[in-house]
Amino acid sequence: MPCIFYWGVGTIVSVSTYLGSQGKSFLAAFASTFPAITGATFILIYLNGGNDAIVSYAKYLLWFVPPWMIYVTAMIIGIPHFGFWPAMVGSLVLYMGCVGTVKLWLR
């Protein structure tokens, strides 16, 4: 069963890459944000932990939305100013800093 999930995630990445390289950015973004990984995780948590485990996971998942939005915004702003690789590294560092801040705040 995990093989099916790997295949599905790989397909989504491939489709997103193809659409993005063809200038179809909206469709590429849609494919990238399709909740395949989250959905697969929900299924696996349900099979192994039940409903309470899913609800707990979903609540914590929402805490990662603001850091992710900061990451994407930093990429949008950073790429034109610094180029792809510096923006990618800076955005990831910023994301991890935000996640660390959220973790400290949740204590």
N, C-alpha and C. Protein backbone atom coordinates (compact mmCIF):
# COMPACT_ATOMS: atom_id res chain seq x y z
N MET A 1 0.82 -1.21 0.00
CA MET A 1 0.00 0.00 0.00
C MET A 1 0.85 1.27 0.00
N PRO A 2 1.95 1.38 0.79
CA PRO A 2 2.77 2.58 0.73
C PRO A 2 3.31 2.87 -0.66
N CYS A 3 3.52 1.85 -1.47
CA CYS A 3 4.01 2.05 -2.84
C CYS A 3 3.04 2.93 -3.64
N ILE A 4 1.76 2.73 -3.43
CA ILE A 4 0.74 3.51 -4.14
C ILE A 4 0.88 4.99 -3.77
N PHE A 5 1.12 5.27 -2.48
CA PHE A 5 1.25 6.65 -2.05
C PHE A 5 2.50 7.30 -2.65
N TYR A 6 3.62 6.56 -2.69
CA TYR A 6 4.84 7.10 -3.30
C TYR A 6 4.61 7.41 -4.77
N TRP A 7 3.94 6.51 -5.46
CA TRP A 7 3.65 6.71 -6.87
C TRP A 7 2.78 7.96 -7.05
N GLY A 8 1.77 8.11 -6.20
CA GLY A 8 0.87 9.25 -6.30
C GLY A 8 1.59 10.57 -6.06
N VAL A 9 2.43 10.61 -5.04
CA VAL A 9 3.18 11.84 -4.74
C VAL A 9 4.15 12.15 -5.88
N GLY A 10 4.84 11.14 -6.39
CA GLY A 10 5.75 11.34 -7.52
C GLY A 10 5.04 11.86 -8.74
N THR A 11 3.84 11.35 -8.98
CA THR A 11 3.05 11.81 -10.12
C THR A 11 2.68 13.28 -9.96
N ILE A 12 2.27 13.67 -8.77
CA ILE A 12 1.89 15.07 -8.53
C ILE A 12 3.09 15.99 -8.75
N VAL A 13 4.25 15.60 -8.25
CA VAL A 13 5.45 16.42 -8.45
C VAL A 13 5.77 16.53 -9.94
N SER A 14 5.67 15.43 -10.66
CA SER A 14 5.95 15.44 -12.10
C SER A 14 4.96 16.31 -12.86
N VAL A 15 3.69 16.18 -12.54
CA VAL A 15 2.66 16.99 -13.21
C VAL A 15 2.87 18.47 -12.90
N SER A 16 3.16 18.80 -11.65
CA SER A 16 3.41 20.20 -11.28
C SER A 16 4.60 20.77 -12.03
N THR A 17 5.67 19.99 -12.10
CA THR A 17 6.87 20.44 -12.80
C THR A 17 6.59 20.65 -14.28
N TYR A 18 5.88 19.71 -14.88
CA TYR A 18 5.56 19.83 -16.31
C TYR A 18 4.70 21.06 -16.56
N LEU A 19 3.62 21.21 -15.80
CA LEU A 19 2.73 22.36 -16.01
C LEU A 19 3.45 23.68 -15.78
N GLY A 20 4.27 23.74 -14.74
CA GLY A 20 5.01 24.97 -14.47
C GLY A 20 5.98 25.31 -15.58
N SER A 21 6.65 24.29 -16.14
CA SER A 21 7.60 24.55 -17.23
C SER A 21 6.91 24.93 -18.53
N GLN A 22 5.62 24.62 -18.64
CA GLN A 22 4.84 24.99 -19.83
C GLN A 22 4.15 26.34 -19.67
N GLY A 23 4.44 27.04 -18.58
CA GLY A 23 3.85 28.36 -18.35
C GLY A 23 2.44 28.31 -17.79
N LYS A 24 1.99 27.15 -17.34
CA LYS A 24 0.65 27.01 -16.77
C LYS A 24 0.77 27.04 -15.25
N SER A 25 1.18 28.19 -14.74
CA SER A 25 1.51 28.34 -13.32
C SER A 25 0.32 28.09 -12.40
N PHE A 26 -0.87 28.53 -12.79
CA PHE A 26 -2.05 28.32 -11.95
C PHE A 26 -2.31 26.84 -11.77
N LEU A 27 -2.30 26.09 -12.88
CA LEU A 27 -2.54 24.65 -12.79
C LEU A 27 -1.41 23.93 -12.04
N ALA A 28 -0.18 24.40 -12.22
CA ALA A 28 0.95 23.81 -11.51
C ALA A 28 0.79 24.02 -10.00
N ALA A 29 0.39 25.22 -9.61
CA ALA A 29 0.19 25.52 -8.19
C ALA A 29 -0.95 24.68 -7.62
N PHE A 30 -2.01 24.52 -8.40
CA PHE A 30 -3.13 23.69 -7.95
C PHE A 30 -2.68 22.25 -7.74
N ALA A 31 -1.94 21.71 -8.69
CA ALA A 31 -1.46 20.34 -8.58
C ALA A 31 -0.52 20.19 -7.38
N SER A 32 0.31 21.20 -7.14
CA SER A 32 1.27 21.13 -6.03
C SER A 32 0.58 21.18 -4.67
N THR A 33 -0.51 21.90 -4.58
CA THR A 33 -1.18 22.03 -3.29
C THR A 33 -2.30 21.02 -3.11
N PHE A 34 -2.50 20.15 -4.10
CA PHE A 34 -3.51 19.10 -3.94
C PHE A 34 -3.14 18.27 -2.71
N PRO A 35 -4.08 18.02 -1.83
CA PRO A 35 -3.73 17.42 -0.53
C PRO A 35 -3.45 15.92 -0.56
N ALA A 36 -2.62 15.49 -1.48
CA ALA A 36 -2.30 14.05 -1.58
C ALA A 36 -1.52 13.56 -0.37
N ILE A 37 -0.50 14.29 0.03
CA ILE A 37 0.30 13.86 1.17
C ILE A 37 -0.53 13.94 2.44
N THR A 38 -1.26 15.02 2.61
CA THR A 38 -2.11 15.15 3.79
C THR A 38 -3.19 14.08 3.80
N GLY A 39 -3.79 13.84 2.67
CA GLY A 39 -4.82 12.80 2.58
C GLY A 39 -4.26 11.42 2.89
N ALA A 40 -3.09 11.11 2.32
CA ALA A 40 -2.45 9.83 2.60
C ALA A 40 -2.12 9.72 4.09
N THR A 41 -1.67 10.82 4.68
CA THR A 41 -1.34 10.82 6.10
C THR A 41 -2.60 10.62 6.94
N PHE A 42 -3.69 11.28 6.56
CA PHE A 42 -4.95 11.07 7.27
C PHE A 42 -5.35 9.59 7.25
N ILE A 43 -5.25 8.98 6.08
CA ILE A 43 -5.62 7.57 5.96
C ILE A 43 -4.74 6.69 6.85
N LEU A 44 -3.43 6.90 6.78
CA LEU A 44 -2.51 6.07 7.56
C LEU A 44 -2.68 6.30 9.06
N ILE A 45 -2.90 7.55 9.47
CA ILE A 45 -3.13 7.82 10.90
C ILE A 45 -4.44 7.16 11.34
N TYR A 46 -5.47 7.27 10.51
CA TYR A 46 -6.75 6.64 10.85
C TYR A 46 -6.59 5.12 11.01
N LEU A 47 -5.89 4.50 10.08
CA LEU A 47 -5.71 3.05 10.14
C LEU A 47 -4.89 2.62 11.36
N ASN A 48 -3.99 3.47 11.81
CA ASN A 48 -3.11 3.11 12.92
C ASN A 48 -3.49 3.73 14.26
N GLY A 49 -4.23 4.85 14.23
CA GLY A 49 -4.50 5.55 15.49
C GLY A 49 -5.94 5.95 15.72
N GLY A 50 -6.78 5.92 14.70
CA GLY A 50 -8.18 6.27 14.87
C GLY A 50 -8.48 7.75 14.74
N ASN A 51 -9.73 8.07 15.06
CA ASN A 51 -10.25 9.43 14.87
C ASN A 51 -9.55 10.48 15.73
N ASP A 52 -9.33 10.17 16.99
CA ASP A 52 -8.71 11.16 17.89
C ASP A 52 -7.31 11.56 17.41
N ALA A 53 -6.57 10.60 16.89
CA ALA A 53 -5.23 10.89 16.38
C ALA A 53 -5.29 11.81 15.16
N ILE A 54 -6.29 11.61 14.30
CA ILE A 54 -6.45 12.46 13.11
C ILE A 54 -6.78 13.89 13.52
N VAL A 55 -7.71 14.04 14.44
CA VAL A 55 -8.11 15.38 14.89
C VAL A 55 -6.92 16.12 15.50
N SER A 56 -6.14 15.44 16.31
CA SER A 56 -4.96 16.06 16.91
C SER A 56 -3.96 16.47 15.84
N TYR A 57 -3.71 15.58 14.89
CA TYR A 57 -2.79 15.88 13.78
C TYR A 57 -3.29 17.09 12.99
N ALA A 58 -4.58 17.11 12.65
CA ALA A 58 -5.14 18.19 11.84
C ALA A 58 -5.03 19.54 12.56
N LYS A 59 -5.24 19.54 13.87
CA LYS A 59 -5.11 20.80 14.63
C LYS A 59 -3.69 21.34 14.55
N TYR A 60 -2.70 20.45 14.72
CA TYR A 60 -1.31 20.91 14.64
C TYR A 60 -0.92 21.28 13.22
N LEU A 61 -1.52 20.63 12.25
CA LEU A 61 -1.23 20.94 10.85
C LEU A 61 -1.56 22.39 10.53
N LEU A 62 -2.63 22.89 11.12
CA LEU A 62 -3.02 24.29 10.88
C LEU A 62 -1.97 25.27 11.37
N TRP A 63 -1.20 24.90 12.40
CA TRP A 63 -0.17 25.79 12.92
C TRP A 63 0.97 25.99 11.91
N PHE A 64 1.07 25.13 10.91
CA PHE A 64 2.14 25.25 9.92
C PHE A 64 1.74 26.11 8.71
N VAL A 65 0.49 26.53 8.66
CA VAL A 65 0.04 27.38 7.55
C VAL A 65 0.72 28.75 7.55
N PRO A 66 0.76 29.47 8.68
CA PRO A 66 1.45 30.77 8.65
C PRO A 66 2.94 30.68 8.26
N PRO A 67 3.73 29.73 8.84
CA PRO A 67 5.12 29.63 8.37
C PRO A 67 5.23 29.31 6.88
N TRP A 68 4.32 28.48 6.37
CA TRP A 68 4.35 28.15 4.95
C TRP A 68 4.04 29.39 4.12
N MET A 69 3.09 30.21 4.55
CA MET A 69 2.76 31.42 3.81
C MET A 69 3.95 32.39 3.81
N ILE A 70 4.65 32.47 4.93
CA ILE A 70 5.85 33.32 5.00
C ILE A 70 6.92 32.78 4.06
N TYR A 71 7.09 31.46 4.02
CA TYR A 71 8.05 30.82 3.11
C TYR A 71 7.75 31.17 1.65
N VAL A 72 6.50 31.01 1.24
CA VAL A 72 6.13 31.30 -0.16
C VAL A 72 6.28 32.78 -0.46
N THR A 73 5.87 33.64 0.46
CA THR A 73 6.00 35.09 0.25
C THR A 73 7.47 35.48 0.13
N ALA A 74 8.33 34.87 0.97
CA ALA A 74 9.76 35.16 0.88
C ALA A 74 10.33 34.73 -0.47
N MET A 75 9.83 33.62 -1.01
CA MET A 75 10.28 33.19 -2.34
C MET A 75 9.85 34.21 -3.41
N ILE A 76 8.61 34.65 -3.33
CA ILE A 76 8.09 35.61 -4.31
C ILE A 76 8.90 36.91 -4.28
N ILE A 77 9.21 37.38 -3.09
CA ILE A 77 9.97 38.62 -2.94
C ILE A 77 11.46 38.41 -3.20
N GLY A 78 11.99 37.28 -2.74
CA GLY A 78 13.43 37.04 -2.80
C GLY A 78 13.99 36.71 -4.16
N ILE A 79 13.25 35.96 -4.96
CA ILE A 79 13.79 35.54 -6.26
C ILE A 79 14.17 36.71 -7.15
N PRO A 80 13.30 37.71 -7.34
CA PRO A 80 13.71 38.84 -8.20
C PRO A 80 14.91 39.63 -7.64
N HIS A 81 15.07 39.64 -6.33
CA HIS A 81 16.14 40.44 -5.73
C HIS A 81 17.46 39.69 -5.59
N PHE A 82 17.39 38.39 -5.30
CA PHE A 82 18.61 37.64 -4.97
C PHE A 82 18.89 36.45 -5.89
N GLY A 83 17.92 36.06 -6.72
CA GLY A 83 18.06 34.86 -7.53
C GLY A 83 17.46 33.67 -6.81
N PHE A 84 17.34 32.57 -7.55
CA PHE A 84 16.63 31.41 -7.02
C PHE A 84 17.28 30.79 -5.79
N TRP A 85 18.55 30.37 -5.89
CA TRP A 85 19.18 29.63 -4.80
C TRP A 85 19.29 30.41 -3.50
N PRO A 86 19.75 31.65 -3.54
CA PRO A 86 19.77 32.40 -2.27
C PRO A 86 18.36 32.59 -1.68
N ALA A 87 17.38 32.83 -2.55
CA ALA A 87 16.00 32.98 -2.07
C ALA A 87 15.49 31.67 -1.47
N MET A 88 15.83 30.55 -2.09
CA MET A 88 15.39 29.26 -1.59
C MET A 88 15.99 28.97 -0.21
N VAL A 89 17.29 29.19 -0.08
CA VAL A 89 17.95 28.95 1.21
C VAL A 89 17.40 29.90 2.27
N GLY A 90 17.30 31.18 1.94
CA GLY A 90 16.77 32.16 2.89
C GLY A 90 15.34 31.86 3.29
N SER A 91 14.53 31.46 2.34
CA SER A 91 13.13 31.14 2.63
C SER A 91 13.01 29.92 3.53
N LEU A 92 13.84 28.92 3.28
CA LEU A 92 13.82 27.72 4.13
C LEU A 92 14.29 28.03 5.55
N VAL A 93 15.31 28.86 5.66
CA VAL A 93 15.78 29.27 6.99
C VAL A 93 14.68 30.04 7.71
N LEU A 94 14.03 30.95 6.99
CA LEU A 94 12.93 31.72 7.57
C LEU A 94 11.79 30.80 7.99
N TYR A 95 11.46 29.83 7.15
CA TYR A 95 10.41 28.87 7.47
C TYR A 95 10.74 28.09 8.74
N MET A 96 11.96 27.58 8.82
CA MET A 96 12.35 26.80 10.00
C MET A 96 12.36 27.67 11.25
N GLY A 97 12.76 28.93 11.10
CA GLY A 97 12.70 29.86 12.23
C GLY A 97 11.27 30.08 12.70
N CYS A 98 10.36 30.23 11.76
CA CYS A 98 8.95 30.41 12.10
C CYS A 98 8.38 29.16 12.76
N VAL A 99 8.76 27.98 12.26
CA VAL A 99 8.29 26.74 12.87
C VAL A 99 8.83 26.62 14.29
N GLY A 100 10.09 26.98 14.50
CA GLY A 100 10.65 26.98 15.84
C GLY A 100 9.92 27.92 16.77
N THR A 101 9.57 29.09 16.26
CA THR A 101 8.82 30.07 17.04
C THR A 101 7.44 29.52 17.41
N VAL A 102 6.78 28.89 16.45
CA VAL A 102 5.46 28.27 16.72
C VAL A 102 5.61 27.19 17.78
N LYS A 103 6.64 26.37 17.66
CA LYS A 103 6.86 25.30 18.63
C LYS A 103 7.05 25.87 20.04
N LEU A 104 7.84 26.92 20.16
CA LEU A 104 8.04 27.56 21.46
C LEU A 104 6.75 28.16 21.99
N TRP A 105 5.98 28.76 21.11
CA TRP A 105 4.74 29.41 21.49
C TRP A 105 3.71 28.39 21.97
N LEU A 106 3.72 27.20 21.38
CA LEU A 106 2.74 26.18 21.77
C LEU A 106 3.04 25.51 23.10
N ARG A 107 4.22 25.71 23.63
CA ARG A 107 4.58 25.09 24.93
C ARG A 107 3.77 25.61 26.03
